Amino acid sequence: MKRASDAEPKSDPDMLPEYHFDYSKARPNRFASGKEGARVVVVLDPDIAEVFTTPQSVNTVLRALITTMPKSGK
């Protein structure tokens, strides 16, 4: 029995072997700005990720830490 990866790829008569796109005509994604505020992705070390398992728990602790920090003169 042949595995799926060993089988011959099926060719679609409507598909070209290669496509070239003109990115000069590209427009920004109109749906991408629907999110409120900017998001920043942070990668946690494994030992910290074991304690803080949800984004809400991380944000809660960071907000509590911010309130204890001295105000900067900026």
PDB file of N, CA and C in Angstrom:
ATOM      1  N   MET A   1       0.845  -1.179   0.000  1.00  0.00           N
ATOM      2  CA  MET A   1       0.000   0.000   0.000  1.00  0.00           C
ATOM      3  C   MET A   1       0.887   1.239   0.000  1.00  0.00           C
ATOM      4  N   LYS A   2       0.567   2.201  -0.841  1.00  0.00           N
ATOM      5  CA  LYS A   2       1.336   3.433  -0.928  1.00  0.00           C
ATOM      6  C   LYS A   2       0.852   4.436   0.100  1.00  0.00           C
ATOM      7  N   ARG A   3       1.783   5.156   0.689  1.00  0.00           N
ATOM      8  CA  ARG A   3       1.410   6.252   1.582  1.00  0.00           C
ATOM      9  C   ARG A   3       1.040   7.457   0.736  1.00  0.00           C
ATOM     10  N   ALA A   4       0.333   8.406   1.340  1.00  0.00           N
ATOM     11  CA  ALA A   4      -0.113   9.602   0.620  1.00  0.00           C
ATOM     12  C   ALA A   4       1.074  10.390   0.102  1.00  0.00           C
ATOM     13  N   SER A   5       2.189  10.397   0.840  1.00  0.00           N
ATOM     14  CA  SER A   5       3.357  11.167   0.405  1.00  0.00           C
ATOM     15  C   SER A   5       4.067  10.503  -0.775  1.00  0.00           C
ATOM     16  N   ASP A   6       3.846   9.176  -0.964  1.00  0.00           N
ATOM     17  CA  ASP A   6       4.478   8.461  -2.070  1.00  0.00           C
ATOM     18  C   ASP A   6       3.678   8.568  -3.360  1.00  0.00           C
ATOM     19  N   ALA A   7       2.429   8.944  -3.263  1.00  0.00           N
ATOM     20  CA  ALA A   7       1.551   9.004  -4.430  1.00  0.00           C
ATOM     21  C   ALA A   7       1.962  10.152  -5.344  1.00  0.00           C
ATOM     22  N   GLU A   8       1.626  10.007  -6.583  1.00  0.00           N
ATOM     23  CA  GLU A   8       1.912  11.051  -7.567  1.00  0.00           C
ATOM     24  C   GLU A   8       1.037  12.265  -7.273  1.00  0.00           C
ATOM     25  N   PRO A   9       1.599  13.476  -7.327  1.00  0.00           N
ATOM     26  CA  PRO A   9       0.757  14.658  -7.101  1.00  0.00           C
ATOM     27  C   PRO A   9      -0.245  14.813  -8.229  1.00  0.00           C
ATOM     28  N   LYS A  10      -1.463  15.174  -7.852  1.00  0.00           N
ATOM     29  CA  LYS A  10      -2.506  15.375  -8.856  1.00  0.00           C
ATOM     30  C   LYS A  10      -2.323  16.756  -9.458  1.00  0.00           C
ATOM     31  N   SER A  11      -2.395  16.821 -10.777  1.00  0.00           N
ATOM     32  CA  SER A  11      -2.256  18.119 -11.427  1.00  0.00           C
ATOM     33  C   SER A  11      -3.636  18.643 -11.791  1.00  0.00           C
ATOM     34  N   ASP A  12      -3.837  19.904 -11.481  1.00  0.00           N
ATOM     35  CA  ASP A  12      -5.093  20.575 -11.782  1.00  0.00           C
ATOM     36  C   ASP A  12      -4.889  21.330 -13.085  1.00  0.00           C
ATOM     37  N   PRO A  13      -5.715  21.107 -14.091  1.00  0.00           N
ATOM     38  CA  PRO A  13      -5.506  21.785 -15.374  1.00  0.00           C
ATOM     39  C   PRO A  13      -5.693  23.301 -15.281  1.00  0.00           C
ATOM     40  N   ASP A  14      -6.389  23.782 -14.214  1.00  0.00           N
ATOM     41  CA  ASP A  14      -6.583  25.221 -14.061  1.00  0.00           C
ATOM     42  C   ASP A  14      -5.422  25.901 -13.356  1.00  0.00           C
ATOM     43  N   MET A  15      -4.525  25.131 -12.779  1.00  0.00           N
ATOM     44  CA  MET A  15      -3.406  25.696 -12.028  1.00  0.00           C
ATOM     45  C   MET A  15      -2.159  25.750 -12.899  1.00  0.00           C
ATOM     46  N   LEU A  16      -1.474  26.881 -12.843  1.00  0.00           N
ATOM     47  CA  LEU A  16      -0.198  27.007 -13.536  1.00  0.00           C
ATOM     48  C   LEU A  16       0.899  26.434 -12.654  1.00  0.00           C
ATOM     49  N   PRO A  17       2.012  26.037 -13.234  1.00  0.00           N
ATOM     50  CA  PRO A  17       3.092  25.503 -12.407  1.00  0.00           C
ATOM     51  C   PRO A  17       3.733  26.563 -11.513  1.00  0.00           C
ATOM     52  N   GLU A  18       3.639  27.822 -11.906  1.00  0.00           N
ATOM     53  CA  GLU A  18       4.250  28.890 -11.117  1.00  0.00           C
ATOM     54  C   GLU A  18       3.481  30.186 -11.363  1.00  0.00           C
ATOM     55  N   TYR A  19       3.371  31.001 -10.308  1.00  0.00           N
ATOM     56  CA  TYR A  19       2.680  32.278 -10.404  1.00  0.00           C
ATOM     57  C   TYR A  19       3.615  33.392  -9.980  1.00  0.00           C
ATOM     58  N   HIS A  20       3.492  34.546 -10.620  1.00  0.00           N
ATOM     59  CA  HIS A  20       4.255  35.735 -10.242  1.00  0.00           C
ATOM     60  C   HIS A  20       3.253  36.824  -9.884  1.00  0.00           C
ATOM     61  N   PHE A  21       3.372  37.338  -8.655  1.00  0.00           N
ATOM     62  CA  PHE A  21       2.426  38.341  -8.174  1.00  0.00           C
ATOM     63  C   PHE A  21       3.049  39.728  -8.232  1.00  0.00           C
ATOM     64  N   ASP A  22       2.236  40.716  -8.565  1.00  0.00           N
ATOM     65  CA  ASP A  22       2.672  42.101  -8.590  1.00  0.00           C
ATOM     66  C   ASP A  22       2.309  42.737  -7.250  1.00  0.00           C
ATOM     67  N   TYR A  23       3.267  42.746  -6.318  1.00  0.00           N
ATOM     68  CA  TYR A  23       3.001  43.256  -4.973  1.00  0.00           C
ATOM     69  C   TYR A  23       2.935  44.781  -4.928  1.00  0.00           C
ATOM     70  N   SER A  24       3.248  45.452  -6.025  1.00  0.00           N
ATOM     71  CA  SER A  24       3.133  46.912  -6.041  1.00  0.00           C
ATOM     72  C   SER A  24       1.659  47.344  -6.006  1.00  0.00           C
ATOM     73  N   LYS A  25       0.766  46.429  -6.356  1.00  0.00           N
ATOM     74  CA  LYS A  25      -0.670  46.728  -6.334  1.00  0.00           C
ATOM     75  C   LYS A  25      -1.331  46.263  -5.036  1.00  0.00           C
ATOM     76  N   ALA A  26      -0.547  45.758  -4.094  1.00  0.00           N
ATOM     77  CA  ALA A  26      -1.094  45.241  -2.846  1.00  0.00           C
ATOM     78  C   ALA A  26      -1.634  46.372  -1.979  1.00  0.00           C
ATOM     79  N   ARG A  27      -2.683  46.078  -1.218  1.00  0.00           N
ATOM     80  CA  ARG A  27      -3.287  47.054  -0.310  1.00  0.00           C
ATOM     81  C   ARG A  27      -3.239  46.496   1.105  1.00  0.00           C
ATOM     82  N   PRO A  28      -3.262  47.371   2.105  1.00  0.00           N
ATOM     83  CA  PRO A  28      -3.293  46.880   3.480  1.00  0.00           C
ATOM     84  C   PRO A  28      -4.582  46.109   3.756  1.00  0.00           C
ATOM     85  N   ASN A  29      -4.515  45.201   4.695  1.00  0.00           N
ATOM     86  CA  ASN A  29      -5.679  44.413   5.073  1.00  0.00           C
ATOM     87  C   ASN A  29      -6.659  45.301   5.827  1.00  0.00           C
ATOM     88  N   ARG A  30      -7.834  45.488   5.287  1.00  0.00           N
ATOM     89  CA  ARG A  30      -8.815  46.381   5.908  1.00  0.00           C
ATOM     90  C   ARG A  30      -9.389  45.786   7.188  1.00  0.00           C
ATOM     91  N   PHE A  31      -9.259  44.500   7.384  1.00  0.00           N
ATOM     92  CA  PHE A  31      -9.784  43.856   8.583  1.00  0.00           C
ATOM     93  C   PHE A  31      -8.758  43.798   9.707  1.00  0.00           C
ATOM     94  N   ALA A  32      -7.498  44.043   9.414  1.00  0.00           N
ATOM     95  CA  ALA A  32      -6.444  43.914  10.418  1.00  0.00           C
ATOM     96  C   ALA A  32      -6.531  44.997  11.484  1.00  0.00           C
ATOM     97  N   SER A  33      -7.053  46.158  11.164  1.00  0.00           N
ATOM     98  CA  SER A  33      -7.100  47.238  12.138  1.00  0.00           C
ATOM     99  C   SER A  33      -8.296  47.132  13.073  1.00  0.00           C
ATOM    100  N   GLY A  34      -9.073  46.075  12.985  1.00  0.00           N
ATOM    101  CA  GLY A  34     -10.253  45.911  13.823  1.00  0.00           C
ATOM    102  C   GLY A  34      -9.936  45.619  15.277  1.00  0.00           C
ATOM    103  N   LYS A  35      -8.732  45.231  15.582  1.00  0.00           N
ATOM    104  CA  LYS A  35      -8.354  44.937  16.965  1.00  0.00           C
ATOM    105  C   LYS A  35      -8.160  46.229  17.732  1.00  0.00           C
ATOM    106  N   GLU A  36      -8.588  46.237  18.991  1.00  0.00           N
ATOM    107  CA  GLU A  36      -8.432  47.439  19.802  1.00  0.00           C
ATOM    108  C   GLU A  36      -7.003  47.499  20.344  1.00  0.00           C
ATOM    109  N   GLY A  37      -6.333  48.608  20.137  1.00  0.00           N
ATOM    110  CA  GLY A  37      -4.978  48.803  20.656  1.00  0.00           C
ATOM    111  C   GLY A  37      -3.960  47.907  19.989  1.00  0.00           C
ATOM    112  N   ALA A  38      -2.710  48.187  20.277  1.00  0.00           N
ATOM    113  CA  ALA A  38      -1.620  47.398  19.719  1.00  0.00           C
ATOM    114  C   ALA A  38      -1.331  46.206  20.624  1.00  0.00           C
ATOM    115  N   ARG A  39      -1.007  45.096  20.042  1.00  0.00           N
ATOM    116  CA  ARG A  39      -0.664  43.888  20.785  1.00  0.00           C
ATOM    117  C   ARG A  39       0.824  43.634  20.651  1.00  0.00           C
ATOM    118  N   VAL A  40       1.424  43.176  21.741  1.00  0.00           N
ATOM    119  CA  VAL A  40       2.830  42.818  21.745  1.00  0.00           C
ATOM    120  C   VAL A  40       2.931  41.373  22.197  1.00  0.00           C
ATOM    121  N   VAL A  41       3.677  40.585  21.469  1.00  0.00           N
ATOM    122  CA  VAL A  41       3.854  39.183  21.815  1.00  0.00           C
ATOM    123  C   VAL A  41       5.164  39.037  22.573  1.00  0.00           C
ATOM    124  N   VAL A  42       5.097  38.378  23.735  1.00  0.00           N
ATOM    125  CA  VAL A  42       6.273  38.146  24.563  1.00  0.00           C
ATOM    126  C   VAL A  42       6.390  36.651  24.790  1.00  0.00           C
ATOM    127  N   VAL A  43       7.582  36.107  24.629  1.00  0.00           N
ATOM    128  CA  VAL A  43       7.812  34.689  24.857  1.00  0.00           C
ATOM    129  C   VAL A  43       8.324  34.514  26.281  1.00  0.00           C
ATOM    130  N   LEU A  44       7.613  33.702  27.063  1.00  0.00           N
ATOM    131  CA  LEU A  44       7.988  33.451  28.450  1.00  0.00           C
ATOM    132  C   LEU A  44       8.902  32.243  28.532  1.00  0.00           C
ATOM    133  N   ASP A  45       9.812  32.272  29.490  1.00  0.00           N
ATOM    134  CA  ASP A  45      10.634  31.102  29.761  1.00  0.00           C
ATOM    135  C   ASP A  45       9.721  29.989  30.268  1.00  0.00           C
ATOM    136  N   PRO A  46      10.098  28.726  30.042  1.00  0.00           N
ATOM    137  CA  PRO A  46       9.223  27.610  30.423  1.00  0.00           C
ATOM    138  C   PRO A  46       8.829  27.599  31.901  1.00  0.00           C
ATOM    139  N   ASP A  47       9.752  27.940  32.803  1.00  0.00           N
ATOM    140  CA  ASP A  47       9.419  27.907  34.226  1.00  0.00           C
ATOM    141  C   ASP A  47       8.390  28.980  34.585  1.00  0.00           C
ATOM    142  N   ILE A  48       8.440  30.106  33.917  1.00  0.00           N
ATOM    143  CA  ILE A  48       7.466  31.170  34.168  1.00  0.00           C
ATOM    144  C   ILE A  48       6.131  30.823  33.516  1.00  0.00           C
ATOM    145  N   ALA A  49       6.173  30.202  32.354  1.00  0.00           N
ATOM    146  CA  ALA A  49       4.943  29.810  31.666  1.00  0.00           C
ATOM    147  C   ALA A  49       4.166  28.753  32.446  1.00  0.00           C
ATOM    148  N   GLU A  50       4.844  27.986  33.313  1.00  0.00           N
ATOM    149  CA  GLU A  50       4.146  27.015  34.151  1.00  0.00           C
ATOM    150  C   GLU A  50       3.282  27.717  35.205  1.00  0.00           C
ATOM    151  N   VAL A  51       3.737  28.877  35.668  1.00  0.00           N
ATOM    152  CA  VAL A  51       3.008  29.612  36.700  1.00  0.00           C
ATOM    153  C   VAL A  51       1.916  30.474  36.084  1.00  0.00           C
ATOM    154  N   PHE A  52       2.265  31.203  35.020  1.00  0.00           N
ATOM    155  CA  PHE A  52       1.325  32.109  34.369  1.00  0.00           C
ATOM    156  C   PHE A  52       0.832  31.438  33.088  1.00  0.00           C
ATOM    157  N   THR A  53      -0.296  30.780  33.190  1.00  0.00           N
ATOM    158  CA  THR A  53      -0.780  29.964  32.080  1.00  0.00           C
ATOM    159  C   THR A  53      -1.716  30.695  31.130  1.00  0.00           C
ATOM    160  N   THR A  54      -2.169  31.903  31.524  1.00  0.00           N
ATOM    161  CA  THR A  54      -3.082  32.653  30.652  1.00  0.00           C
ATOM    162  C   THR A  54      -2.558  34.079  30.469  1.00  0.00           C
ATOM    163  N   PRO A  55      -2.914  34.713  29.377  1.00  0.00           N
ATOM    164  CA  PRO A  55      -2.515  36.111  29.186  1.00  0.00           C
ATOM    165  C   PRO A  55      -3.070  37.019  30.281  1.00  0.00           C
ATOM    166  N   GLN A  56      -4.262  36.692  30.774  1.00  0.00           N
ATOM    167  CA  GLN A  56      -4.870  37.513  31.827  1.00  0.00           C
ATOM    168  C   GLN A  56      -4.039  37.469  33.112  1.00  0.00           C
ATOM    169  N   SER A  57      -3.504  36.308  33.457  1.00  0.00           N
ATOM    170  CA  SER A  57      -2.702  36.206  34.678  1.00  0.00           C
ATOM    171  C   SER A  57      -1.412  37.000  34.557  1.00  0.00           C
ATOM    172  N   VAL A  58      -0.805  36.977  33.396  1.00  0.00           N
ATOM    173  CA  VAL A  58       0.414  37.757  33.172  1.00  0.00           C
ATOM    174  C   VAL A  58       0.102  39.247  33.260  1.00  0.00           C
ATOM    175  N   ASN A  59      -0.965  39.683  32.611  1.00  0.00           N
ATOM    176  CA  ASN A  59      -1.334  41.102  32.630  1.00  0.00           C
ATOM    177  C   ASN A  59      -1.683  41.571  34.039  1.00  0.00           C
ATOM    178  N   THR A  60      -2.361  40.748  34.825  1.00  0.00           N
ATOM    179  CA  THR A  60      -2.730  41.113  36.198  1.00  0.00           C
ATOM    180  C   THR A  60      -1.484  41.358  37.042  1.00  0.00           C
ATOM    181  N   VAL A  61      -0.521  40.461  36.952  1.00  0.00           N
ATOM    182  CA  VAL A  61       0.712  40.609  37.738  1.00  0.00           C
ATOM    183  C   VAL A  61       1.519  41.813  37.262  1.00  0.00           C
ATOM    184  N   LEU A  62       1.610  42.017  35.972  1.00  0.00           N
ATOM    185  CA  LEU A  62       2.366  43.164  35.462  1.00  0.00           C
ATOM    186  C   LEU A  62       1.712  44.479  35.855  1.00  0.00           C
ATOM    187  N   ARG A  63       0.383  44.548  35.828  1.00  0.00           N
ATOM    188  CA  ARG A  63      -0.306  45.780  36.249  1.00  0.00           C
ATOM    189  C   ARG A  63      -0.093  46.048  37.734  1.00  0.00           C
ATOM    190  N   ALA A  64      -0.096  44.988  38.547  1.00  0.00           N
ATOM    191  CA  ALA A  64       0.176  45.152  39.977  1.00  0.00           C
ATOM    192  C   ALA A  64       1.605  45.640  40.203  1.00  0.00           C
ATOM    193  N   LEU A  65       2.535  45.137  39.434  1.00  0.00           N
ATOM    194  CA  LEU A  65       3.926  45.571  39.542  1.00  0.00           C
ATOM    195  C   LEU A  65       4.076  47.034  39.131  1.00  0.00           C
ATOM    196  N   ILE A  66       3.363  47.436  38.100  1.00  0.00           N
ATOM    197  CA  ILE A  66       3.435  48.820  37.630  1.00  0.00           C
ATOM    198  C   ILE A  66       2.961  49.786  38.707  1.00  0.00           C
ATOM    199  N   THR A  67       1.927  49.398  39.453  1.00  0.00           N
ATOM    200  CA  THR A  67       1.419  50.313  40.492  1.00  0.00           C
ATOM    201  C   THR A  67       2.412  50.464  41.642  1.00  0.00           C
ATOM    202  N   THR A  68       3.314  49.516  41.855  1.00  0.00           N
ATOM    203  CA  THR A  68       4.298  49.618  42.921  1.00  0.00           C
ATOM    204  C   THR A  68       5.558  50.378  42.493  1.00  0.00           C
ATOM    205  N   MET A  69       5.728  50.584  41.207  1.00  0.00           N
ATOM    206  CA  MET A  69       6.936  51.255  40.701  1.00  0.00           C
ATOM    207  C   MET A  69       6.844  52.761  40.933  1.00  0.00           C
ATOM    208  N   PRO A  70       7.993  53.393  41.207  1.00  0.00           N
ATOM    209  CA  PRO A  70       7.969  54.847  41.358  1.00  0.00           C
ATOM    210  C   PRO A  70       7.658  55.529  40.022  1.00  0.00           C
ATOM    211  N   LYS A  71       6.996  56.653  40.088  1.00  0.00           N
ATOM    212  CA  LYS A  71       6.663  57.410  38.874  1.00  0.00           C
ATOM    213  C   LYS A  71       7.940  58.022  38.318  1.00  0.00           C
ATOM    214  N   SER A  72       8.102  57.942  37.018  1.00  0.00           N
ATOM    215  CA  SER A  72       9.279  58.524  36.386  1.00  0.00           C
ATOM    216  C   SER A  72       8.999  59.988  36.056  1.00  0.00           C
ATOM    217  N   GLY A  73      10.049  60.763  35.902  1.00  0.00           N
ATOM    218  CA  GLY A  73       9.897  62.189  35.627  1.00  0.00           C
ATOM    219  C   GLY A  73       9.729  62.510  34.162  1.00  0.00           C
ATOM    220  N   LYS A  74       9.411  61.514  33.338  1.00  0.00           N
ATOM    221  CA  LYS A  74       9.283  61.738  31.900  1.00  0.00           C
ATOM    222  C   LYS A  74       7.990  62.359  31.528  1.00  0.00           C
TER     223      LYS A  74
END
